[in-house]
Amino acid sequence: MIDEKRLYQMISLARFENKNRDKALRISRTYQNDYIAMSLLGNFVLTTVAYILALVLFAMYNMNFLLANLNDLNFRPMLAVVIIVYLIVLGVFSVISYTRAKLRYVRAQARMAEYQRQLRRLYKMYKDEEQLDTIRKNWGRKNRDE
């Protein structure tokens, strides 16, 4: 006979697995430092590409000015400003990325802890039923022996 509590528990676990298959289950398989490092590495690549694209767009927008004053421009201070602004942008986005990755990891761990508690509860339900079946079988043997 099907136990309703156990059935509801299995449905709850299946819903969690379907809902969090890509997120919490994947995140929980990695260490926190590795997950944050991968997030920061992705942030570095995306920020660098976005900054280069922004510089190219800015240069294209101001192409007339750049070509007209090409001989008069002092490139060292301009390069220093570009690098300093890049480092500031990278720093800001790195802090945001670090915070976001840390929060995601902590939330995923909390969801996985709840998932583990539900799994243990289901396991206990199976064990209790198994013990009850063993007791019933033993009790039936005692009655037949008497």
C-alpha atoms as a PDB file:
ATOM      1  CA  MET A   1       0.000   0.000   0.000  1.00  0.00           C
ATOM      2  CA  ILE A   2       1.215   3.490  -0.822  1.00  0.00           C
ATOM      3  CA  ASP A   3       2.021   5.751   2.089  1.00  0.00           C
ATOM      4  CA  GLU A   4       0.642   9.254   1.412  1.00  0.00           C
ATOM      5  CA  LYS A   5       3.284  11.050   3.474  1.00  0.00           C
ATOM      6  CA  ARG A   6       6.054   9.274   1.639  1.00  0.00           C
ATOM      7  CA  LEU A   7       4.414  10.005  -1.713  1.00  0.00           C
ATOM      8  CA  TYR A   8       4.127  13.717  -0.909  1.00  0.00           C
ATOM      9  CA  GLN A   9       7.740  13.715   0.235  1.00  0.00           C
ATOM     10  CA  MET A  10       8.872  12.154  -3.055  1.00  0.00           C
ATOM     11  CA  ILE A  11       6.792  14.661  -5.043  1.00  0.00           C
ATOM     12  CA  SER A  12       8.365  17.506  -3.090  1.00  0.00           C
ATOM     13  CA  LEU A  13      11.844  16.155  -3.802  1.00  0.00           C
ATOM     14  CA  ALA A  14      11.060  15.736  -7.502  1.00  0.00           C
ATOM     15  CA  ARG A  15       9.804  19.318  -7.702  1.00  0.00           C
ATOM     16  CA  PHE A  16      12.995  20.567  -6.088  1.00  0.00           C
ATOM     17  CA  GLU A  17      15.135  18.565  -8.512  1.00  0.00           C
ATOM     18  CA  ASN A  18      13.232  19.880 -11.532  1.00  0.00           C
ATOM     19  CA  LYS A  19      13.234  23.468 -10.308  1.00  0.00           C
ATOM     20  CA  ASN A  20      16.871  23.606  -9.159  1.00  0.00           C
ATOM     21  CA  ARG A  21      18.517  21.145 -11.520  1.00  0.00           C
ATOM     22  CA  ASP A  22      20.745  23.728 -13.190  1.00  0.00           C
ATOM     23  CA  LYS A  23      21.318  26.042 -10.254  1.00  0.00           C
ATOM     24  CA  ALA A  24      21.561  24.647  -6.768  1.00  0.00           C
ATOM     25  CA  LEU A  25      22.583  21.128  -7.717  1.00  0.00           C
ATOM     26  CA  ARG A  26      25.381  22.377 -10.001  1.00  0.00           C
ATOM     27  CA  ILE A  27      26.595  25.008  -7.553  1.00  0.00           C
ATOM     28  CA  SER A  28      26.647  22.567  -4.651  1.00  0.00           C
ATOM     29  CA  ARG A  29      29.093  20.312  -6.504  1.00  0.00           C
ATOM     30  CA  THR A  30      31.838  22.947  -6.390  1.00  0.00           C
ATOM     31  CA  TYR A  31      33.765  24.560  -3.591  1.00  0.00           C
ATOM     32  CA  GLN A  32      32.837  28.095  -2.676  1.00  0.00           C
ATOM     33  CA  ASN A  33      36.227  29.545  -3.600  1.00  0.00           C
ATOM     34  CA  ASP A  34      36.202  27.779  -6.968  1.00  0.00           C
ATOM     35  CA  TYR A  35      32.704  29.014  -7.751  1.00  0.00           C
ATOM     36  CA  ILE A  36      33.611  32.594  -6.840  1.00  0.00           C
ATOM     37  CA  ALA A  37      36.882  32.389  -8.799  1.00  0.00           C
ATOM     38  CA  MET A  38      35.050  31.207 -11.911  1.00  0.00           C
ATOM     39  CA  SER A  39      32.566  34.029 -11.507  1.00  0.00           C
ATOM     40  CA  LEU A  40      35.385  36.572 -11.168  1.00  0.00           C
ATOM     41  CA  LEU A  41      37.170  35.137 -14.192  1.00  0.00           C
ATOM     42  CA  GLY A  42      34.018  35.452 -16.270  1.00  0.00           C
ATOM     43  CA  ASN A  43      33.574  38.975 -14.941  1.00  0.00           C
ATOM     44  CA  PHE A  44      37.140  39.860 -15.980  1.00  0.00           C
ATOM     45  CA  VAL A  45      36.635  38.590 -19.529  1.00  0.00           C
ATOM     46  CA  LEU A  46      33.240  40.224 -20.012  1.00  0.00           C
ATOM     47  CA  THR A  47      34.306  43.530 -18.471  1.00  0.00           C
ATOM     48  CA  THR A  48      37.422  43.649 -20.650  1.00  0.00           C
ATOM     49  CA  VAL A  49      35.458  42.941 -23.832  1.00  0.00           C
ATOM     50  CA  ALA A  50      32.782  45.486 -22.908  1.00  0.00           C
ATOM     51  CA  TYR A  51      35.391  48.135 -22.072  1.00  0.00           C
ATOM     52  CA  ILE A  52      37.221  47.604 -25.359  1.00  0.00           C
ATOM     53  CA  LEU A  53      33.933  47.839 -27.254  1.00  0.00           C
ATOM     54  CA  ALA A  54      33.071  51.032 -25.381  1.00  0.00           C
ATOM     55  CA  LEU A  55      36.478  52.510 -26.258  1.00  0.00           C
ATOM     56  CA  VAL A  56      36.044  51.601 -29.919  1.00  0.00           C
ATOM     57  CA  LEU A  57      32.572  53.158 -29.989  1.00  0.00           C
ATOM     58  CA  PHE A  58      33.861  56.279 -28.234  1.00  0.00           C
ATOM     59  CA  ALA A  59      36.752  56.548 -30.733  1.00  0.00           C
ATOM     60  CA  MET A  60      34.385  56.083 -33.680  1.00  0.00           C
ATOM     61  CA  TYR A  61      32.022  58.721 -32.332  1.00  0.00           C
ATOM     62  CA  ASN A  62      34.892  61.205 -31.912  1.00  0.00           C
ATOM     63  CA  MET A  63      36.735  60.183 -35.095  1.00  0.00           C
ATOM     64  CA  ASN A  64      36.647  63.711 -36.585  1.00  0.00           C
ATOM     65  CA  PHE A  65      38.245  65.200 -33.469  1.00  0.00           C
ATOM     66  CA  LEU A  66      40.849  62.437 -33.216  1.00  0.00           C
ATOM     67  CA  LEU A  67      41.900  62.740 -36.877  1.00  0.00           C
ATOM     68  CA  ALA A  68      41.980  66.544 -36.767  1.00  0.00           C
ATOM     69  CA  ASN A  69      44.163  66.637 -33.646  1.00  0.00           C
ATOM     70  CA  LEU A  70      46.235  63.497 -34.229  1.00  0.00           C
ATOM     71  CA  ASN A  71      49.546  65.359 -34.179  1.00  0.00           C
ATOM     72  CA  ASP A  72      48.659  67.484 -31.164  1.00  0.00           C
ATOM     73  CA  LEU A  73      47.395  64.677 -28.899  1.00  0.00           C
ATOM     74  CA  ASN A  74      49.601  63.526 -26.049  1.00  0.00           C
ATOM     75  CA  PHE A  75      49.076  59.770 -25.911  1.00  0.00           C
ATOM     76  CA  ARG A  76      50.746  58.938 -22.589  1.00  0.00           C
ATOM     77  CA  PRO A  77      48.318  60.850 -20.337  1.00  0.00           C
ATOM     78  CA  MET A  78      45.410  59.660 -22.466  1.00  0.00           C
ATOM     79  CA  LEU A  79      46.602  56.036 -22.168  1.00  0.00           C
ATOM     80  CA  ALA A  80      47.038  56.488 -18.409  1.00  0.00           C
ATOM     81  CA  VAL A  81      43.459  57.772 -18.085  1.00  0.00           C
ATOM     82  CA  VAL A  82      42.146  54.861 -20.177  1.00  0.00           C
ATOM     83  CA  ILE A  83      43.988  52.322 -17.996  1.00  0.00           C
ATOM     84  CA  ILE A  84      42.933  53.968 -14.716  1.00  0.00           C
ATOM     85  CA  VAL A  85      39.297  54.116 -15.797  1.00  0.00           C
ATOM     86  CA  TYR A  86      39.520  50.455 -16.899  1.00  0.00           C
ATOM     87  CA  LEU A  87      40.895  49.419 -13.500  1.00  0.00           C
ATOM     88  CA  ILE A  88      38.172  51.355 -11.689  1.00  0.00           C
ATOM     89  CA  VAL A  89      35.440  49.802 -13.859  1.00  0.00           C
ATOM     90  CA  LEU A  90      36.961  46.348 -13.422  1.00  0.00           C
ATOM     91  CA  GLY A  91      37.175  46.840  -9.653  1.00  0.00           C
ATOM     92  CA  VAL A  92      33.556  47.948  -9.345  1.00  0.00           C
ATOM     93  CA  PHE A  93      32.251  45.080 -11.453  1.00  0.00           C
ATOM     94  CA  SER A  94      34.497  42.600  -9.631  1.00  0.00           C
ATOM     95  CA  VAL A  95      33.049  43.622  -6.264  1.00  0.00           C
ATOM     96  CA  ILE A  96      29.537  43.263  -7.661  1.00  0.00           C
ATOM     97  CA  SER A  97      30.382  39.885  -9.206  1.00  0.00           C
ATOM     98  CA  TYR A  98      32.020  38.634  -5.984  1.00  0.00           C
ATOM     99  CA  THR A  99      29.030  39.650  -3.873  1.00  0.00           C
ATOM    100  CA  ARG A 100      26.573  38.129  -6.319  1.00  0.00           C
ATOM    101  CA  ALA A 101      28.486  34.831  -6.548  1.00  0.00           C
ATOM    102  CA  LYS A 102      28.837  34.622  -2.760  1.00  0.00           C
ATOM    103  CA  LEU A 103      25.096  35.189  -2.247  1.00  0.00           C
ATOM    104  CA  ARG A 104      24.199  32.635  -4.909  1.00  0.00           C
ATOM    105  CA  TYR A 105      26.490  30.055  -3.351  1.00  0.00           C
ATOM    106  CA  VAL A 106      25.163  30.601   0.173  1.00  0.00           C
ATOM    107  CA  ARG A 107      21.550  30.413  -1.028  1.00  0.00           C
ATOM    108  CA  ALA A 108      22.261  27.273  -3.050  1.00  0.00           C
ATOM    109  CA  GLN A 109      23.888  25.644  -0.017  1.00  0.00           C
ATOM    110  CA  ALA A 110      20.839  26.494   2.088  1.00  0.00           C
ATOM    111  CA  ARG A 111      18.519  24.982  -0.521  1.00  0.00           C
ATOM    112  CA  MET A 112      20.711  21.879  -0.722  1.00  0.00           C
ATOM    113  CA  ALA A 113      20.688  21.549   3.064  1.00  0.00           C
ATOM    114  CA  GLU A 114      16.882  21.565   2.995  1.00  0.00           C
ATOM    115  CA  TYR A 115      16.964  19.012   0.155  1.00  0.00           C
ATOM    116  CA  GLN A 116      19.264  16.781   2.207  1.00  0.00           C
ATOM    117  CA  ARG A 117      16.922  17.061   5.220  1.00  0.00           C
ATOM    118  CA  GLN A 118      13.999  15.976   3.044  1.00  0.00           C
ATOM    119  CA  LEU A 119      16.017  13.075   1.656  1.00  0.00           C
ATOM    120  CA  ARG A 120      16.901  11.938   5.175  1.00  0.00           C
ATOM    121  CA  ARG A 121      13.236  12.199   6.159  1.00  0.00           C
ATOM    122  CA  LEU A 122      12.264  10.029   3.180  1.00  0.00           C
ATOM    123  CA  TYR A 123      14.989   7.534   4.010  1.00  0.00           C
ATOM    124  CA  LYS A 124      13.722   7.380   7.598  1.00  0.00           C
ATOM    125  CA  MET A 125      10.200   6.744   6.324  1.00  0.00           C
ATOM    126  CA  TYR A 126      11.482   3.798   4.285  1.00  0.00           C
ATOM    127  CA  LYS A 127      13.504   2.469   7.213  1.00  0.00           C
ATOM    128  CA  ASP A 128      10.527   2.768   9.577  1.00  0.00           C
ATOM    129  CA  GLU A 129       8.310   0.903   7.119  1.00  0.00           C
ATOM    130  CA  GLU A 130      10.979  -1.759   6.663  1.00  0.00           C
ATOM    131  CA  GLN A 131      11.237  -2.235  10.436  1.00  0.00           C
ATOM    132  CA  LEU A 132       7.454  -2.378  10.709  1.00  0.00           C
ATOM    133  CA  ASP A 133       7.334  -5.051   7.999  1.00  0.00           C
ATOM    134  CA  THR A 134      10.024  -7.033   9.806  1.00  0.00           C
ATOM    135  CA  ILE A 135       8.072  -6.826  13.071  1.00  0.00           C
ATOM    136  CA  ARG A 136       4.873  -7.921  11.312  1.00  0.00           C
ATOM    137  CA  LYS A 137       6.628 -10.902   9.715  1.00  0.00           C
ATOM    138  CA  ASN A 138       8.200 -11.943  13.007  1.00  0.00           C
ATOM    139  CA  TRP A 139       4.906 -11.522  14.847  1.00  0.00           C
ATOM    140  CA  GLY A 140       3.140 -13.671  12.237  1.00  0.00           C
ATOM    141  CA  ARG A 141       5.709 -16.426  12.708  1.00  0.00           C
ATOM    142  CA  LYS A 142       5.276 -16.358  16.470  1.00  0.00           C
ATOM    143  CA  ASN A 143       1.507 -16.733  16.141  1.00  0.00           C
ATOM    144  CA  ARG A 144       1.878 -19.664  13.726  1.00  0.00           C
ATOM    145  CA  ASP A 145       4.417 -21.376  15.980  1.00  0.00           C
ATOM    146  CA  GLU A 146       2.094 -21.264  19.000  1.00  0.00           C
END
